[in-house]
PDB file of N, CA and C in Angstrom:
ATOM      1  N   MET A   1       0.830  -1.194   0.000  1.00  0.00           N
ATOM      2  CA  MET A   1       0.000   0.000   0.000  1.00  0.00           C
ATOM      3  C   MET A   1       0.871   1.253   0.000  1.00  0.00           C
ATOM      4  N   LYS A   2       1.961   1.210   0.772  1.00  0.00           N
ATOM      5  CA  LYS A   2       2.864   2.351   0.823  1.00  0.00           C
ATOM      6  C   LYS A   2       3.504   2.599  -0.540  1.00  0.00           C
ATOM      7  N   VAL A   3       3.803   1.528  -1.255  1.00  0.00           N
ATOM      8  CA  VAL A   3       4.419   1.655  -2.577  1.00  0.00           C
ATOM      9  C   VAL A   3       3.438   2.314  -3.540  1.00  0.00           C
ATOM     10  N   LEU A   4       2.180   1.937  -3.467  1.00  0.00           N
ATOM     11  CA  LEU A   4       1.157   2.513  -4.340  1.00  0.00           C
ATOM     12  C   LEU A   4       0.999   4.017  -4.082  1.00  0.00           C
ATOM     13  N   ILE A   5       0.909   4.394  -2.829  1.00  0.00           N
ATOM     14  CA  ILE A   5       0.772   5.810  -2.477  1.00  0.00           C
ATOM     15  C   ILE A   5       2.018   6.585  -2.906  1.00  0.00           C
ATOM     16  N   GLY A   6       3.181   6.024  -2.679  1.00  0.00           N
ATOM     17  CA  GLY A   6       4.423   6.682  -3.089  1.00  0.00           C
ATOM     18  C   GLY A   6       4.506   6.829  -4.602  1.00  0.00           C
ATOM     19  N   SER A   7       4.073   5.819  -5.319  1.00  0.00           N
ATOM     20  CA  SER A   7       4.088   5.879  -6.785  1.00  0.00           C
ATOM     21  C   SER A   7       3.150   6.961  -7.297  1.00  0.00           C
ATOM     22  N   ILE A   8       1.979   7.064  -6.699  1.00  0.00           N
ATOM     23  CA  ILE A   8       1.026   8.100  -7.100  1.00  0.00           C
ATOM     24  C   ILE A   8       1.606   9.485  -6.835  1.00  0.00           C
ATOM     25  N   ILE A   9       2.248   9.666  -5.695  1.00  0.00           N
ATOM     26  CA  ILE A   9       2.857  10.955  -5.366  1.00  0.00           C
ATOM     27  C   ILE A   9       3.962  11.290  -6.360  1.00  0.00           C
ATOM     28  N   VAL A  10       4.783  10.334  -6.710  1.00  0.00           N
ATOM     29  CA  VAL A  10       5.868  10.563  -7.667  1.00  0.00           C
ATOM     30  C   VAL A  10       5.296  10.945  -9.024  1.00  0.00           C
ATOM     31  N   VAL A  11       4.267  10.253  -9.477  1.00  0.00           N
ATOM     32  CA  VAL A  11       3.644  10.569 -10.772  1.00  0.00           C
ATOM     33  C   VAL A  11       3.062  11.981 -10.746  1.00  0.00           C
ATOM     34  N   LEU A  12       2.413  12.357  -9.667  1.00  0.00           N
ATOM     35  CA  LEU A  12       1.858  13.700  -9.554  1.00  0.00           C
ATOM     36  C   LEU A  12       2.948  14.768  -9.583  1.00  0.00           C
ATOM     37  N   VAL A  13       4.052  14.515  -8.904  1.00  0.00           N
ATOM     38  CA  VAL A  13       5.170  15.470  -8.904  1.00  0.00           C
ATOM     39  C   VAL A  13       5.757  15.608 -10.309  1.00  0.00           C
ATOM     40  N   ILE A  14       5.904  14.491 -11.009  1.00  0.00           N
ATOM     41  CA  ILE A  14       6.426  14.530 -12.377  1.00  0.00           C
ATOM     42  C   ILE A  14       5.461  15.301 -13.284  1.00  0.00           C
ATOM     43  N   CYS A  15       4.169  15.046 -13.174  1.00  0.00           N
ATOM     44  CA  CYS A  15       3.178  15.767 -13.987  1.00  0.00           C
ATOM     45  C   CYS A  15       3.208  17.261 -13.682  1.00  0.00           C
ATOM     46  N   PHE A  16       3.358  17.629 -12.418  1.00  0.00           N
ATOM     47  CA  PHE A  16       3.435  19.040 -12.040  1.00  0.00           C
ATOM     48  C   PHE A  16       4.686  19.674 -12.650  1.00  0.00           C
ATOM     49  N   GLY A  17       5.801  18.973 -12.643  1.00  0.00           N
ATOM     50  CA  GLY A  17       7.038  19.483 -13.244  1.00  0.00           C
ATOM     51  C   GLY A  17       6.897  19.684 -14.744  1.00  0.00           C
ATOM     52  N   VAL A  18       6.280  18.743 -15.424  1.00  0.00           N
ATOM     53  CA  VAL A  18       6.059  18.877 -16.876  1.00  0.00           C
ATOM     54  C   VAL A  18       5.148  20.068 -17.147  1.00  0.00           C
ATOM     55  N   TRP A  19       4.118  20.246 -16.317  1.00  0.00           N
ATOM     56  CA  TRP A  19       3.216  21.382 -16.491  1.00  0.00           C
ATOM     57  C   TRP A  19       3.973  22.699 -16.319  1.00  0.00           C
ATOM     58  N   LEU A  20       4.865  22.769 -15.336  1.00  0.00           N
ATOM     59  CA  LEU A  20       5.654  23.986 -15.137  1.00  0.00           C
ATOM     60  C   LEU A  20       6.575  24.252 -16.320  1.00  0.00           C
ATOM     61  N   ILE A  21       7.125  23.200 -16.898  1.00  0.00           N
ATOM     62  CA  ILE A  21       8.017  23.360 -18.045  1.00  0.00           C
ATOM     63  C   ILE A  21       7.231  23.861 -19.259  1.00  0.00           C
ATOM     64  N   LEU A  22       6.025  23.355 -19.462  1.00  0.00           N
ATOM     65  CA  LEU A  22       5.239  23.696 -20.644  1.00  0.00           C
ATOM     66  C   LEU A  22       4.419  24.973 -20.503  1.00  0.00           C
ATOM     67  N   SER A  23       4.223  25.480 -19.302  1.00  0.00           N
ATOM     68  CA  SER A  23       3.336  26.617 -19.113  1.00  0.00           C
ATOM     69  C   SER A  23       3.759  27.867 -19.888  1.00  0.00           C
ATOM     70  N   PRO A  24       5.049  28.190 -20.041  1.00  0.00           N
ATOM     71  CA  PRO A  24       5.380  29.362 -20.866  1.00  0.00           C
ATOM     72  C   PRO A  24       4.950  29.194 -22.320  1.00  0.00           C
ATOM     73  N   SER A  25       4.996  27.986 -22.846  1.00  0.00           N
ATOM     74  CA  SER A  25       4.574  27.785 -24.230  1.00  0.00           C
ATOM     75  C   SER A  25       3.072  27.965 -24.367  1.00  0.00           C
ATOM     76  N   PHE A  26       2.298  27.650 -23.316  1.00  0.00           N
ATOM     77  CA  PHE A  26       0.861  27.873 -23.366  1.00  0.00           C
ATOM     78  C   PHE A  26       0.574  29.367 -23.511  1.00  0.00           C
ATOM     79  N   LYS A  27       1.338  30.181 -22.816  1.00  0.00           N
ATOM     80  CA  LYS A  27       1.151  31.628 -22.899  1.00  0.00           C
ATOM     81  C   LYS A  27       1.483  32.109 -24.312  1.00  0.00           C
ATOM     82  N   LYS A  28       2.553  31.584 -24.898  1.00  0.00           N
ATOM     83  CA  LYS A  28       2.935  31.981 -26.252  1.00  0.00           C
ATOM     84  C   LYS A  28       1.868  31.564 -27.253  1.00  0.00           C
ATOM     85  N   VAL A  29       1.346  30.363 -27.095  1.00  0.00           N
ATOM     86  CA  VAL A  29       0.304  29.873 -27.997  1.00  0.00           C
ATOM     87  C   VAL A  29      -0.947  30.734 -27.855  1.00  0.00           C
ATOM     88  N   GLY A  30      -1.296  31.083 -26.638  1.00  0.00           N
ATOM     89  CA  GLY A  30      -2.468  31.928 -26.405  1.00  0.00           C
ATOM     90  C   GLY A  30      -2.316  33.301 -27.032  1.00  0.00           C
ATOM     91  N   ASN A  31      -1.129  33.909 -26.891  1.00  0.00           N
ATOM     92  CA  ASN A  31      -0.897  35.218 -27.494  1.00  0.00           C
ATOM     93  C   ASN A  31      -0.973  35.145 -29.012  1.00  0.00           C
ATOM     94  N   THR A  32      -0.400  34.104 -29.599  1.00  0.00           N
ATOM     95  CA  THR A  32      -0.436  33.930 -31.050  1.00  0.00           C
ATOM     96  C   THR A  32      -1.866  33.741 -31.536  1.00  0.00           C
ATOM     97  N   ALA A  33      -2.633  32.945 -30.824  1.00  0.00           N
ATOM     98  CA  ALA A  33      -4.030  32.713 -31.209  1.00  0.00           C
ATOM     99  C   ALA A  33      -4.832  34.010 -31.109  1.00  0.00           C
ATOM    100  N   HIS A  34      -4.564  34.818 -30.098  1.00  0.00           N
ATOM    101  CA  HIS A  34      -5.277  36.080 -29.934  1.00  0.00           C
ATOM    102  C   HIS A  34      -4.955  37.037 -31.089  1.00  0.00           C
ATOM    103  N   LYS A  35      -3.680  37.117 -31.472  1.00  0.00           N
ATOM    104  CA  LYS A  35      -3.277  37.985 -32.583  1.00  0.00           C
ATOM    105  C   LYS A  35      -3.914  37.498 -33.885  1.00  0.00           C
ATOM    106  N   LEU A  36      -3.925  36.188 -34.108  1.00  0.00           N
ATOM    107  CA  LEU A  36      -4.522  35.628 -35.307  1.00  0.00           C
ATOM    108  C   LEU A  36      -6.016  35.943 -35.363  1.00  0.00           C
ATOM    109  N   ARG A  37      -6.678  35.826 -34.230  1.00  0.00           N
ATOM    110  CA  ARG A  37      -8.112  36.117 -34.176  1.00  0.00           C
ATOM    111  C   ARG A  37      -8.377  37.583 -34.499  1.00  0.00           C
ATOM    112  N   GLU A  38      -7.549  38.487 -33.969  1.00  0.00           N
ATOM    113  CA  GLU A  38      -7.716  39.909 -34.269  1.00  0.00           C
ATOM    114  C   GLU A  38      -7.526  40.172 -35.757  1.00  0.00           C
ATOM    115  N   ASN A  39      -6.533  39.513 -36.371  1.00  0.00           N
ATOM    116  CA  ASN A  39      -6.293  39.692 -37.801  1.00  0.00           C
ATOM    117  C   ASN A  39      -7.476  39.199 -38.622  1.00  0.00           C
ATOM    118  N   VAL A  40      -8.024  38.053 -38.250  1.00  0.00           N
ATOM    119  CA  VAL A  40      -9.159  37.500 -38.987  1.00  0.00           C
ATOM    120  C   VAL A  40     -10.366  38.411 -38.846  1.00  0.00           C
ATOM    121  N   GLN A  41     -10.618  38.905 -37.644  1.00  0.00           N
ATOM    122  CA  GLN A  41     -11.749  39.799 -37.436  1.00  0.00           C
ATOM    123  C   GLN A  41     -11.539  41.108 -38.185  1.00  0.00           C
ATOM    124  N   GLY A  42     -10.308  41.607 -38.219  1.00  0.00           N
ATOM    125  CA  GLY A  42     -10.014  42.834 -38.951  1.00  0.00           C
ATOM    126  C   GLY A  42     -10.248  42.654 -40.434  1.00  0.00           C
ATOM    127  N   GLU A  43      -9.869  41.509 -40.973  1.00  0.00           N
ATOM    128  CA  GLU A  43     -10.088  41.237 -42.389  1.00  0.00           C
ATOM    129  C   GLU A  43     -11.589  41.132 -42.695  1.00  0.00           C
ATOM    130  N   GLU A  44     -12.339  40.502 -41.827  1.00  0.00           N
ATOM    131  CA  GLU A  44     -13.779  40.376 -42.036  1.00  0.00           C
ATOM    132  C   GLU A  44     -14.435  41.749 -42.003  1.00  0.00           C
ATOM    133  N   ASN A  45     -14.020  42.589 -41.054  1.00  0.00           N
ATOM    134  CA  ASN A  45     -14.584  43.936 -40.962  1.00  0.00           C
ATOM    135  C   ASN A  45     -14.198  44.758 -42.189  1.00  0.00           C
ATOM    136  N   GLY A  46     -12.982  44.580 -42.687  1.00  0.00           N
ATOM    137  CA  GLY A  46     -12.533  45.287 -43.876  1.00  0.00           C
ATOM    138  C   GLY A  46     -13.319  44.884 -45.099  1.00  0.00           C
ATOM    139  N   GLU A  47     -13.638  43.612 -45.235  1.00  0.00           N
ATOM    140  CA  GLU A  47     -14.423  43.128 -46.363  1.00  0.00           C
ATOM    141  C   GLU A  47     -15.838  43.686 -46.317  1.00  0.00           C
ATOM    142  N   GLU A  48     -16.421  43.765 -45.113  1.00  0.00           N
ATOM    143  CA  GLU A  48     -17.774  44.305 -44.979  1.00  0.00           C
ATOM    144  C   GLU A  48     -17.793  45.772 -45.373  1.00  0.00           C
ATOM    145  N   LYS A  49     -16.767  46.531 -44.993  1.00  0.00           N
ATOM    146  CA  LYS A  49     -16.711  47.952 -45.331  1.00  0.00           C
ATOM    147  C   LYS A  49     -16.578  48.117 -46.845  1.00  0.00           C
ATOM    148  N   GLN A  50     -15.802  47.262 -47.494  1.00  0.00           N
ATOM    149  CA  GLN A  50     -15.619  47.355 -48.941  1.00  0.00           C
ATOM    150  C   GLN A  50     -16.923  47.019 -49.660  1.00  0.00           C
ATOM    151  N   GLU A  51     -17.678  46.055 -49.150  1.00  0.00           N
ATOM    152  CA  GLU A  51     -18.935  45.669 -49.779  1.00  0.00           C
ATOM    153  C   GLU A  51     -19.971  46.784 -49.648  1.00  0.00           C
ATOM    154  N   ARG A  52     -19.933  47.528 -48.570  1.00  0.00           N
ATOM    155  CA  ARG A  52     -20.898  48.606 -48.352  1.00  0.00           C
ATOM    156  C   ARG A  52     -20.636  49.767 -49.297  1.00  0.00           C
ATOM    157  N   GLN A  53     -19.395  49.974 -49.684  1.00  0.00           N
ATOM    158  CA  GLN A  53     -19.060  51.115 -50.540  1.00  0.00           C
ATOM    159  C   GLN A  53     -19.450  50.839 -51.908  1.00  0.00           C
TER     160      GLN A  53
END
């Protein structure tokens, strides 16, 4: 039983470490996605303005 609990704790610590290593890339991906979304929305708004003219 002690081995099982220890193994679970070790796995959780390893998962937490991997999450800490990857967390900066999540921020970069989020910023890139936000910029892409703004560009797409800007293009859609630009097309609507051109169609109205």
